[in-house]
Protein backbone atom coordinates (compact mmCIF):
# COMPACT_ATOMS: atom_id res chain seq x y z
CA MET A 1 0.00 0.00 0.00
CA ALA A 2 1.41 3.39 -1.03
CA LEU A 3 2.04 6.00 1.59
CA LYS A 4 0.05 9.21 1.27
CA ALA A 5 1.31 12.76 1.38
CA THR A 6 1.18 14.62 4.69
CA ILE A 7 -0.71 17.90 4.50
CA PHE A 8 0.73 21.07 6.03
CA LYS A 9 -0.93 24.49 6.25
CA ALA A 10 1.25 27.58 6.14
CA HIS A 11 0.07 31.10 6.86
CA LEU A 12 2.67 33.49 5.45
CA LYS A 13 2.86 37.16 6.23
CA LEU A 14 5.25 38.32 3.55
CA ALA A 15 7.10 41.62 3.27
CA ASP A 16 9.35 41.62 0.20
CA ILE A 17 11.00 45.01 0.40
CA ASP A 18 13.16 44.29 -2.65
CA ARG A 19 10.09 43.91 -4.90
CA ALA A 20 7.67 46.11 -2.90
CA TYR A 21 5.42 43.08 -2.54
CA TYR A 22 3.43 42.80 0.69
CA ALA A 23 0.85 40.05 1.10
CA ASP A 24 -0.61 37.37 3.29
CA HIS A 25 -0.78 33.88 1.79
CA THR A 26 -2.54 30.82 3.16
CA LEU A 27 -0.90 27.82 1.56
CA THR A 28 -1.44 24.09 1.58
CA LEU A 29 1.66 21.95 1.12
CA ALA A 30 1.54 18.24 0.49
CA ARG A 31 4.77 16.67 1.75
CA HIS A 32 5.56 13.59 -0.33
CA PRO A 33 6.47 10.55 1.82
CA SER A 34 10.06 10.71 0.53
CA GLU A 35 10.38 14.47 1.11
CA THR A 36 12.18 15.79 4.18
CA ASP A 37 11.01 18.70 6.33
CA GLU A 38 14.06 20.62 5.10
CA ARG A 39 13.07 20.24 1.44
CA MET A 40 9.44 21.11 2.12
CA MET A 41 10.46 24.25 4.00
CA ILE A 42 12.79 25.24 1.17
CA ARG A 43 9.80 24.95 -1.19
CA LEU A 44 8.00 27.36 1.13
CA LEU A 45 11.05 29.66 1.16
CA ALA A 46 11.21 29.61 -2.66
CA PHE A 47 7.52 30.53 -2.72
CA ALA A 48 8.26 33.51 -0.47
CA ILE A 49 11.13 34.68 -2.68
CA HIS A 50 9.00 34.60 -5.84
CA ALA A 51 5.54 35.10 -4.34
CA SER A 52 2.71 36.25 -6.54
CA ASP A 53 -0.95 35.46 -6.95
CA CYS A 54 -0.09 33.15 -9.88
CA LEU A 55 2.84 31.17 -8.40
CA GLN A 56 1.86 27.56 -7.69
CA PHE A 57 3.24 24.48 -6.04
CA THR A 58 3.21 21.61 -8.51
CA ARG A 59 3.03 17.86 -8.04
CA GLY A 60 6.82 18.12 -7.58
CA LEU A 61 8.34 14.80 -6.56
CA SER A 62 5.30 12.98 -7.92
CA THR A 63 6.13 13.81 -11.54
CA ASP A 64 9.22 14.34 -13.64
CA GLN A 65 7.40 16.72 -15.97
CA GLU A 66 6.98 19.58 -13.51
CA PRO A 67 9.28 21.68 -11.32
CA ASP A 68 8.71 22.24 -7.62
CA LEU A 69 6.97 25.55 -8.30
CA TRP A 70 5.95 27.41 -11.40
CA GLN A 71 4.11 30.43 -12.61
CA LYS A 72 2.20 30.40 -15.88
CA ASN A 73 0.66 33.28 -17.81
CA LEU A 74 -2.93 33.38 -19.04
CA GLN A 75 -1.94 31.55 -22.25
CA GLY A 76 -0.51 28.67 -20.21
CA GLU A 77 3.11 29.52 -21.01
CA ILE A 78 5.59 28.99 -18.18
CA GLU A 79 7.01 32.27 -16.94
CA THR A 80 8.91 30.97 -13.91
CA TRP A 81 10.27 27.44 -13.30
CA ILE A 82 11.71 26.76 -9.83
CA GLU A 83 13.78 23.68 -8.96
CA LEU A 84 15.24 22.59 -5.63
CA GLY A 85 18.37 20.58 -4.94
CA GLN A 86 20.70 19.36 -7.66
CA PRO A 87 18.70 18.86 -10.86
CA ASP A 88 20.10 16.98 -13.82
CA ILE A 89 21.60 19.23 -16.50
CA LYS A 90 19.21 17.73 -19.10
CA ARG A 91 16.30 18.84 -16.93
CA LEU A 92 17.73 22.36 -16.72
CA ARG A 93 18.15 22.50 -20.50
CA LYS A 94 14.51 21.48 -20.90
CA ALA A 95 13.39 24.06 -18.32
CA SER A 96 15.44 26.76 -20.03
CA LYS A 97 13.60 26.08 -23.29
CA LEU A 98 10.13 25.91 -21.71
CA ALA A 99 10.26 28.84 -19.29
CA ALA A 100 11.12 32.50 -19.48
CA GLN A 101 13.08 32.24 -16.19
CA VAL A 102 14.52 29.27 -14.33
CA PHE A 103 15.66 29.38 -10.71
CA VAL A 104 17.51 26.64 -8.86
CA TYR A 105 17.89 26.63 -5.07
CA ASN A 106 20.82 24.31 -4.45
CA TYR A 107 21.15 22.95 -0.92
CA GLY A 108 22.22 19.97 1.16
CA GLY A 109 24.86 17.30 0.84
CA GLY A 110 26.43 17.20 -2.58
CA ALA A 111 25.59 20.83 -3.41
CA GLU A 112 29.23 21.84 -3.90
CA HIS A 113 29.99 18.73 -5.96
CA TRP A 114 26.93 19.34 -8.17
CA TRP A 115 27.99 22.94 -8.78
CA VAL A 116 31.60 22.05 -9.64
CA LYS A 117 30.40 19.34 -12.02
CA ASN A 118 27.72 21.43 -13.79
CA ASN A 119 28.67 25.12 -13.59
CA LYS A 120 30.17 25.39 -17.09
CA GLU A 121 27.11 23.85 -18.75
CA VAL A 122 24.70 25.87 -16.63
CA ALA A 123 26.53 29.08 -17.57
CA GLN A 124 25.65 28.41 -21.23
CA LEU A 125 21.91 28.36 -20.54
CA ARG A 126 20.29 31.69 -21.33
CA ASN A 127 17.85 32.18 -18.49
CA VAL A 128 18.95 30.09 -15.51
CA GLN A 129 19.83 31.48 -12.10
CA ILE A 130 21.43 29.32 -9.40
CA PHE A 131 21.46 30.06 -5.68
CA LYS A 132 23.07 28.04 -2.91
CA LEU A 133 21.29 27.94 0.43
CA PRO A 134 23.43 27.61 3.57
CA GLY A 135 23.08 24.21 5.27
CA VAL A 136 22.93 25.36 8.87
CA GLU A 137 20.11 27.79 8.14
CA THR A 138 18.09 25.32 6.02
CA GLN A 139 18.32 22.79 8.84
CA GLN A 140 17.11 25.45 11.28
CA LEU A 141 14.29 26.20 8.85
CA ALA A 142 13.35 22.51 8.85
CA SER A 143 12.91 22.67 12.63
CA LEU A 144 10.05 25.15 12.09
CA ALA A 145 8.00 22.63 10.10
CA ASP A 146 4.63 22.16 11.71
CA ARG A 147 1.28 20.94 10.39
CA ASN A 148 -0.13 24.43 10.99
CA MET A 149 2.57 27.09 10.58
CA HIS A 150 2.37 30.85 11.02
CA LEU A 151 5.46 32.47 9.53
CA GLU A 152 6.54 36.02 8.90
CA ILE A 153 9.11 36.41 6.14
CA THR A 154 10.90 39.61 5.25
CA VAL A 155 13.00 39.81 2.09
CA GLN A 156 15.51 42.65 1.93
CA ASP A 157 18.74 43.02 -0.04
CA GLY A 158 18.44 39.42 -1.19
CA GLN A 159 18.33 38.08 2.37
CA LEU A 160 15.39 36.50 4.17
CA LEU A 161 14.40 36.82 7.78
CA VAL A 162 12.02 34.04 8.79
CA SER A 163 10.29 34.39 12.13
CA THR A 164 7.71 32.48 14.12
CA ALA A 165 6.89 32.30 17.82
CA GLY A 166 10.12 33.95 18.95
CA HIS A 167 12.39 32.04 16.55
CA PHE A 168 14.35 34.03 13.98
CA ILE A 169 16.39 32.62 11.11
CA ASN A 170 18.39 34.82 8.75
CA ILE A 171 19.00 33.15 5.39
CA ALA A 172 21.35 34.65 2.81
CA PRO A 173 21.22 32.73 -0.47
CA GLN A 174 24.57 32.77 -2.24
CA VAL A 175 24.31 33.72 -5.91
CA LEU A 176 26.22 31.19 -7.99
CA ILE A 177 25.06 32.36 -11.40
CA THR A 178 22.55 34.82 -12.80
CA ASP A 179 21.43 35.24 -16.37
């Protein structure tokens, strides 16, 4: 019998000073049985970085055809494709052709090795941006995972301040490559 996804509710109070975007979002996240709290919380963090009324979580780990998050325009064309971890270079090539912008949030064990192995090929892609998330902070972020989360996230100068119930985590994504 297959294991089912675990449902999490996240109430985000978002202040993105860099983009002058201020909004409250109530989100439902389905954590795949093979997904860790760290990865799920990074999906939430990626949502906060790119938040809009059109950004959506996809089926993610359940399908190879979709990224972790995407935003489509009214014609169904993919504007933003967001991947987590260390995606295969073939997948990034495909994403680069399908989407106007591609973002990768690289994290966890093997992140450095993946970057060293793939940076030259990634640099040739026209619209791909790669960010590395610091391991200590993403593990701290994972500790905030709760079935009913209330988070405040402030984005300023490319850094994120995540707070909830007296806990504060400052996350500074390292830019590895921008288009």
